[in-house]
Amino acid sequence: VSIPIQHVRAVLGVVTLESSDVDAIIAKEREALIPFILIAIAVTLASSLLLNSLVAQPVIRLARAADQVRQARARAISLPDLAHRDDEIGDLTRSLEAMTHSLSERMDAIEAFAADVAHEIRNPLTSLRSAVETLDIVEDPAARERLLGILKNDIQRLDRLVTDISNASRLDAELSRNQPRVIELARLISDIVDTYRATARPGDVRVKFTPHAGAETAKVLGREGPLGQILRNLIDNARSFSPRGDVVSVGLLRVKDNVVATVSDNGPGVPPENLETIFERFYTARPKGAAFGGNSGLGLSIARQIAVAHGGTLRAENRIGPEGEVLGALFILTLPAARP
């Protein structure tokens, strides 16, 4: 191939290349590229093997472990050799382990709750069956009247149990469904106390609200329905232990970064050994003379569960007089104050 070298129109010379020279140059360039091609292939294979061992295989193991949990053949994902990694795979493993562990605890709680429910419902059912079977063979009118009273009490107890169990089972769904918002606890307590005051009958235990210093700034971040349920459960529990015609006091104050609500009564108080037991599901300890089966034992348990879900605490103590005597029970609800 000849290419003329021109300056304007004058031809100054010619450059000539022969095909044999071009082939030799191309062949040398190809030979020079062979080491680079081999290095690229080696790097690609090494990267593929590294990605497969460090990323693909761990992800496959996590997927298989998740499938085992989904198919109910395992309660939790446990891959300790991956959980100790400091990369994204380790973060994913720890998150999955924590998630499945939480699900496992929830399943255990549901199973325990179902067992407790079955046990609590079996008692009134057994009493009902015994009363019904005895009613057919009893001819004494007084005895039949007593059996009918037992039947009515057991039916009311079953109804109360079913209602409280339904409320407890819907609690998690209600807490996750409603978004928290800033709530003025003083207004909420006032509305609840006004409801008790409006529906009170002669001789009923009255409810009094006494806001303390800082109550006007007592705002919490939460859900109004469940928080109101805590207060109603505490007030109903206090009223059930109070003498007829007595007063249940509700207080509210701001303590640093917390909001504290109190409910106190003038009843017999709580035995010291039962200050924590009373918050267990289906635990009931009524004073002498109280109607059997009048409470399901779920009210305080539900109240504490809601308090913990809002980042707070619920505890009980006794009010002690100057002579060391028990003046009544005091329930203290502590919730984190909402940030302005």
Protein backbone atom coordinates (compact mmCIF):
# COMPACT_ATOMS: atom_id res chain seq x y z
CA VAL A 1 0.00 0.00 0.00
CA SER A 2 1.49 3.34 -1.07
CA ILE A 3 0.41 6.65 0.42
CA PRO A 4 1.65 9.93 -1.15
CA ILE A 5 3.09 12.67 1.05
CA GLN A 6 1.81 16.02 -0.26
CA HIS A 7 2.38 19.68 0.55
CA VAL A 8 -0.49 21.56 -0.98
CA ARG A 9 -0.44 20.08 -4.46
CA ALA A 10 3.21 19.11 -4.63
CA VAL A 11 4.00 15.44 -4.02
CA LEU A 12 7.04 15.27 -1.80
CA GLY A 13 7.25 11.51 -1.42
CA VAL A 14 5.53 8.17 -1.00
CA VAL A 15 5.19 5.87 2.02
CA THR A 16 4.93 2.22 1.07
CA LEU A 17 3.94 -0.64 3.40
CA GLU A 18 4.05 -4.25 2.35
CA SER A 19 1.59 -6.83 3.58
CA SER A 20 4.24 -9.03 5.08
CA ASP A 21 5.30 -6.27 7.48
CA VAL A 22 1.69 -5.72 8.67
CA ASP A 23 1.15 -9.41 9.34
CA ALA A 24 4.33 -9.56 11.35
CA ILE A 25 3.33 -6.54 13.42
CA ILE A 26 -0.15 -7.93 14.12
CA ALA A 27 1.32 -11.32 15.04
CA LYS A 28 3.72 -9.70 17.51
CA GLU A 29 0.91 -7.64 19.05
CA ARG A 30 -1.19 -10.76 19.49
CA GLU A 31 1.69 -12.53 21.12
CA ALA A 32 2.20 -9.59 23.43
CA LEU A 33 -1.51 -9.71 24.46
CA ILE A 34 -1.45 -13.40 25.40
CA PRO A 35 0.02 -12.86 28.94
CA PHE A 36 -2.55 -10.15 29.65
CA ILE A 37 -5.38 -12.42 28.47
CA LEU A 38 -4.13 -15.23 30.67
CA ILE A 39 -3.85 -12.91 33.67
CA ALA A 40 -7.41 -11.60 33.06
CA ILE A 41 -8.74 -15.15 32.86
CA ALA A 42 -6.92 -16.10 36.06
CA VAL A 43 -8.19 -12.99 37.89
CA THR A 44 -11.75 -13.66 36.69
CA LEU A 45 -11.63 -17.28 37.85
CA ALA A 46 -10.13 -16.32 41.20
CA SER A 47 -12.74 -13.58 41.70
CA SER A 48 -15.54 -15.98 40.79
CA LEU A 49 -14.27 -18.60 43.24
CA LEU A 50 -13.85 -15.96 45.94
CA LEU A 51 -17.32 -14.50 45.41
CA ASN A 52 -18.80 -17.99 45.36
CA SER A 53 -17.18 -19.00 48.65
CA LEU A 54 -17.64 -15.68 50.47
CA VAL A 55 -21.01 -14.50 49.11
CA ALA A 56 -22.93 -17.02 47.01
CA GLN A 57 -22.53 -20.06 49.29
CA PRO A 58 -23.35 -18.15 52.52
CA VAL A 59 -26.45 -16.65 50.89
CA ILE A 60 -27.52 -20.13 49.73
CA ARG A 61 -27.03 -21.44 53.29
CA LEU A 62 -29.12 -18.59 54.66
CA ALA A 63 -31.83 -19.28 52.09
CA ARG A 64 -31.91 -22.98 53.01
CA ALA A 65 -32.05 -22.16 56.72
CA ALA A 66 -34.93 -19.74 56.07
CA ASP A 67 -36.73 -22.46 54.11
CA GLN A 68 -36.35 -24.82 57.08
CA VAL A 69 -37.91 -22.23 59.37
CA ARG A 70 -40.70 -21.61 56.87
CA GLN A 71 -41.44 -25.34 56.61
CA ALA A 72 -41.63 -25.57 60.44
CA ARG A 73 -38.68 -27.90 60.68
CA ALA A 74 -36.69 -25.44 62.76
CA ARG A 75 -37.53 -22.70 65.25
CA ALA A 76 -34.63 -20.37 64.44
CA ILE A 77 -31.76 -19.79 62.03
CA SER A 78 -28.41 -20.61 63.66
CA LEU A 79 -25.26 -20.09 61.56
CA PRO A 80 -22.61 -19.06 64.10
CA ASP A 81 -19.71 -19.19 61.59
CA LEU A 82 -21.48 -16.51 59.54
CA ALA A 83 -22.70 -14.43 62.46
CA HIS A 84 -19.13 -13.62 63.47
CA ARG A 85 -18.33 -12.02 60.13
CA ASP A 86 -17.92 -8.26 60.09
CA ASP A 87 -19.30 -7.71 56.60
CA GLU A 88 -22.80 -7.38 55.17
CA ILE A 89 -23.33 -11.16 55.19
CA GLY A 90 -22.62 -11.18 58.93
CA ASP A 91 -25.09 -8.34 59.48
CA LEU A 92 -27.74 -10.20 57.47
CA THR A 93 -27.12 -13.42 59.42
CA ARG A 94 -27.38 -11.69 62.79
CA SER A 95 -30.55 -9.92 61.73
CA LEU A 96 -32.16 -13.16 60.54
CA GLU A 97 -31.11 -14.97 63.72
CA ALA A 98 -32.59 -12.19 65.87
CA MET A 99 -35.79 -12.15 63.82
CA THR A 100 -36.34 -15.90 63.98
CA HIS A 101 -35.43 -15.95 67.68
CA SER A 102 -38.10 -13.31 68.28
CA LEU A 103 -40.59 -15.35 66.26
CA SER A 104 -39.68 -18.44 68.27
CA GLU A 105 -40.29 -16.58 71.54
CA ARG A 106 -43.61 -15.34 70.18
CA MET A 107 -44.62 -18.90 69.24
CA ASP A 108 -43.66 -20.14 72.72
CA ALA A 109 -45.71 -17.32 74.26
CA ILE A 110 -48.70 -18.20 72.08
CA GLU A 111 -48.44 -21.87 73.06
CA ALA A 112 -48.21 -20.97 76.75
CA PHE A 113 -51.14 -18.56 76.40
CA ALA A 114 -53.22 -21.25 74.66
CA ALA A 115 -52.41 -23.72 77.44
CA ASP A 116 -53.38 -21.17 80.10
CA VAL A 117 -56.61 -20.36 78.26
CA ALA A 118 -57.53 -24.04 78.00
CA HIS A 119 -56.86 -24.51 81.71
CA GLU A 120 -58.89 -21.46 82.75
CA ILE A 121 -61.86 -22.32 80.53
CA ARG A 122 -61.86 -25.94 81.66
CA ASN A 123 -62.63 -24.98 85.28
CA PRO A 124 -65.98 -23.21 84.68
CA LEU A 125 -66.91 -25.81 82.06
CA THR A 126 -66.33 -28.57 84.59
CA SER A 127 -68.41 -26.69 87.15
CA LEU A 128 -71.17 -26.13 84.59
CA ARG A 129 -71.27 -29.80 83.61
CA SER A 130 -71.37 -30.91 87.23
CA ALA A 131 -74.17 -28.45 88.06
CA VAL A 132 -76.22 -29.46 85.00
CA GLU A 133 -75.86 -33.17 85.76
CA THR A 134 -76.82 -32.62 89.39
CA LEU A 135 -79.77 -30.37 88.55
CA ASP A 136 -81.72 -33.26 87.05
CA ILE A 137 -81.60 -35.36 90.20
CA VAL A 138 -82.06 -32.64 92.82
CA GLU A 139 -85.65 -32.11 93.96
CA ASP A 140 -85.11 -29.72 96.86
CA PRO A 141 -86.12 -26.20 95.64
CA ALA A 142 -83.41 -24.53 97.74
CA ALA A 143 -80.71 -26.84 96.36
CA ARG A 144 -81.95 -26.28 92.82
CA GLU A 145 -81.84 -22.53 93.40
CA ARG A 146 -78.23 -22.80 94.57
CA LEU A 147 -77.32 -24.85 91.49
CA LEU A 148 -78.98 -22.28 89.23
CA GLY A 149 -76.91 -19.58 90.93
CA ILE A 150 -73.75 -21.58 90.25
CA LEU A 151 -74.76 -21.93 86.60
CA LYS A 152 -75.31 -18.18 86.29
CA ASN A 153 -71.98 -17.37 87.94
CA ASP A 154 -70.09 -19.82 85.73
CA ILE A 155 -71.73 -18.46 82.59
CA GLN A 156 -70.78 -14.92 83.61
CA ARG A 157 -67.24 -16.10 84.34
CA LEU A 158 -66.98 -17.75 80.93
CA ASP A 159 -68.27 -14.62 79.25
CA ARG A 160 -65.72 -12.48 81.12
CA LEU A 161 -62.92 -14.92 80.28
CA VAL A 162 -63.77 -14.99 76.58
CA THR A 163 -63.97 -11.19 76.45
CA ASP A 164 -60.62 -10.68 78.22
CA ILE A 165 -58.94 -13.41 76.17
CA SER A 166 -60.20 -11.76 72.99
CA ASN A 167 -58.82 -8.41 74.13
CA ALA A 168 -55.46 -9.97 74.99
CA SER A 169 -55.18 -11.78 71.67
CA ARG A 170 -55.92 -8.58 69.71
CA LEU A 171 -53.45 -6.52 71.70
CA ASP A 172 -50.37 -7.17 69.52
CA ALA A 173 -52.30 -6.46 66.34
CA GLU A 174 -53.68 -3.22 67.76
CA LEU A 175 -50.24 -2.07 68.92
CA SER A 176 -48.70 -2.73 65.51
CA ARG A 177 -51.62 -1.31 63.51
CA ASN A 178 -51.92 2.15 65.06
CA GLN A 179 -49.12 4.64 64.67
CA PRO A 180 -47.98 6.33 67.92
CA ARG A 181 -48.62 10.02 68.39
CA VAL A 182 -48.17 12.61 71.12
CA ILE A 183 -50.87 12.22 73.78
CA GLU A 184 -51.72 14.56 76.63
CA LEU A 185 -52.06 12.10 79.49
CA ALA A 186 -53.87 14.59 81.72
CA ARG A 187 -56.65 14.98 79.16
CA LEU A 188 -56.89 11.21 78.64
CA ILE A 189 -57.17 10.54 82.39
CA SER A 190 -59.75 13.31 82.80
CA ASP A 191 -61.91 11.80 80.05
CA ILE A 192 -61.71 8.33 81.63
CA VAL A 193 -62.50 9.62 85.13
CA ASP A 194 -65.44 11.63 83.75
CA THR A 195 -66.81 8.43 82.21
CA TYR A 196 -66.69 6.64 85.57
CA ARG A 197 -68.29 9.65 87.24
CA ALA A 198 -71.11 9.82 84.69
CA THR A 199 -71.95 6.12 85.00
CA ALA A 200 -71.61 5.88 88.79
CA ARG A 201 -74.56 4.69 90.82
CA PRO A 202 -75.29 5.28 94.52
CA GLY A 203 -72.87 3.28 96.62
CA ASP A 204 -70.35 2.69 93.82
CA VAL A 205 -66.67 3.33 94.35
CA ARG A 206 -65.90 6.82 93.08
CA VAL A 207 -62.83 7.78 91.02
CA LYS A 208 -60.95 11.03 91.68
CA PHE A 209 -58.23 12.56 89.52
CA THR A 210 -55.59 14.73 91.23
CA PRO A 211 -52.96 16.14 88.84
CA HIS A 212 -49.68 17.09 90.49
CA ALA A 213 -46.96 19.57 89.55
CA GLY A 214 -45.96 19.37 85.91
CA ALA A 215 -49.04 17.39 84.89
CA GLU A 216 -49.84 19.91 82.17
CA THR A 217 -46.56 18.96 80.44
CA ALA A 218 -47.12 15.23 80.87
CA LYS A 219 -47.14 14.17 77.23
CA VAL A 220 -46.18 10.75 75.96
CA LEU A 221 -45.66 9.20 72.55
CA GLY A 222 -48.04 6.29 72.24
CA ARG A 223 -51.43 4.96 71.22
CA GLU A 224 -54.46 6.39 72.99
CA GLY A 225 -56.58 3.22 72.95
CA PRO A 226 -54.06 0.89 74.65
CA LEU A 227 -52.93 3.58 77.10
CA GLY A 228 -56.53 4.18 78.07
CA GLN A 229 -56.92 0.43 78.56
CA ILE A 230 -54.04 0.45 81.06
CA LEU A 231 -55.74 3.14 83.14
CA ARG A 232 -59.17 1.49 82.96
CA ASN A 233 -57.72 -1.88 84.00
CA LEU A 234 -55.91 -0.32 86.95
CA ILE A 235 -58.98 1.65 88.03
CA ASP A 236 -61.28 -1.37 87.70
CA ASN A 237 -58.84 -3.47 89.73
CA ALA A 238 -58.63 -0.79 92.44
CA ARG A 239 -62.42 -0.42 92.57
CA SER A 240 -62.86 -4.18 92.98
CA PHE A 241 -60.69 -4.12 96.12
CA SER A 242 -62.16 -0.91 97.59
CA PRO A 243 -64.93 -0.80 100.19
CA ARG A 244 -68.36 0.20 98.94
CA GLY A 245 -68.72 3.95 98.60
CA ASP A 246 -64.96 4.52 98.86
CA VAL A 247 -62.72 6.55 96.53
CA VAL A 248 -60.00 5.45 94.09
CA SER A 249 -57.40 8.17 93.51
CA VAL A 250 -55.60 8.73 90.20
CA GLY A 251 -52.51 10.94 90.16
CA LEU A 252 -50.24 12.31 87.43
CA LEU A 253 -46.88 14.07 87.60
CA ARG A 254 -43.80 14.77 85.51
CA VAL A 255 -40.49 13.44 86.85
CA LYS A 256 -37.54 14.60 84.72
CA ASP A 257 -37.80 12.69 81.42
CA ASN A 258 -40.66 10.45 82.57
CA VAL A 259 -44.38 10.75 83.09
CA VAL A 260 -45.73 8.93 86.14
CA ALA A 261 -49.39 8.01 86.62
CA THR A 262 -50.56 6.43 89.88
CA VAL A 263 -53.72 4.59 90.89
CA SER A 264 -54.30 3.97 94.60
CA ASP A 265 -57.07 2.43 96.66
CA ASN A 266 -57.96 1.96 100.33
CA GLY A 267 -58.30 -1.81 100.12
CA PRO A 268 -56.40 -4.59 101.90
CA GLY A 269 -53.25 -4.07 99.78
CA VAL A 270 -51.14 -6.71 98.07
CA PRO A 271 -49.22 -9.39 99.96
CA PRO A 272 -45.48 -8.60 99.61
CA GLU A 273 -44.77 -11.96 98.04
CA ASN A 274 -47.39 -11.30 95.33
CA LEU A 275 -46.29 -7.84 94.18
CA GLU A 276 -44.95 -9.39 90.97
CA THR A 277 -47.21 -12.43 90.81
CA ILE A 278 -50.31 -10.30 90.32
CA PHE A 279 -49.05 -9.35 86.85
CA GLU A 280 -49.00 -12.96 85.68
CA ARG A 281 -51.75 -14.16 83.36
CA PHE A 282 -54.87 -15.58 85.02
CA TYR A 283 -53.58 -14.92 88.53
CA THR A 284 -56.34 -13.81 90.86
CA ALA A 285 -56.18 -13.23 94.60
CA ARG A 286 -59.41 -11.78 95.94
CA PRO A 287 -60.19 -10.74 99.51
CA LYS A 288 -62.40 -12.90 101.67
CA GLY A 289 -66.04 -12.56 100.83
CA ALA A 290 -65.45 -11.54 97.20
CA ALA A 291 -67.41 -13.37 94.55
CA PHE A 292 -65.49 -16.30 93.08
CA GLY A 293 -64.70 -15.96 89.39
CA GLY A 294 -65.45 -12.25 89.35
CA ASN A 295 -62.16 -11.51 87.64
CA SER A 296 -60.30 -13.26 84.83
CA GLY A 297 -56.79 -12.40 86.02
CA LEU A 298 -55.85 -10.84 82.69
CA GLY A 299 -56.34 -7.14 83.42
CA LEU A 300 -53.02 -6.42 85.12
CA SER A 301 -51.13 -8.70 82.74
CA ILE A 302 -52.51 -6.82 79.74
CA ALA A 303 -51.75 -3.47 81.40
CA ARG A 304 -48.09 -4.36 81.96
CA GLN A 305 -47.77 -5.73 78.43
CA ILE A 306 -49.03 -2.42 77.00
CA ALA A 307 -46.72 -0.43 79.29
CA VAL A 308 -43.66 -2.43 78.18
CA ALA A 309 -44.67 -2.02 74.53
CA HIS A 310 -44.59 1.77 75.07
CA GLY A 311 -41.14 1.63 76.64
CA GLY A 312 -42.45 2.05 80.18
CA THR A 313 -42.92 0.05 83.35
CA LEU A 314 -45.80 -0.90 85.63
CA ARG A 315 -45.26 -1.96 89.21
CA ALA A 316 -47.24 -2.32 92.42
CA GLU A 317 -46.51 -1.50 96.02
CA ASN A 318 -48.42 -1.00 99.27
CA ARG A 319 -49.18 2.32 100.91
CA ILE A 320 -47.86 2.13 104.46
CA GLY A 321 -49.21 4.21 107.35
CA PRO A 322 -47.25 5.81 110.20
CA GLU A 323 -47.72 2.73 112.38
CA GLY A 324 -46.60 0.36 109.64
CA GLU A 325 -50.14 -0.64 108.73
CA VAL A 326 -51.15 -1.22 105.10
CA LEU A 327 -53.44 1.57 103.87
CA GLY A 328 -54.05 0.16 100.40
CA ALA A 329 -52.41 -0.72 97.10
CA LEU A 330 -50.59 1.69 94.80
CA PHE A 331 -49.93 1.02 91.11
CA ILE A 332 -47.27 3.15 89.41
CA LEU A 333 -47.17 3.52 85.64
CA THR A 334 -43.99 5.13 84.28
CA LEU A 335 -43.74 6.18 80.63
CA PRO A 336 -41.03 8.10 78.77
CA ALA A 337 -42.06 11.69 78.14
CA ALA A 338 -42.50 12.80 74.55
CA ARG A 339 -39.74 15.01 73.24
CA PRO A 340 -40.85 18.51 72.26
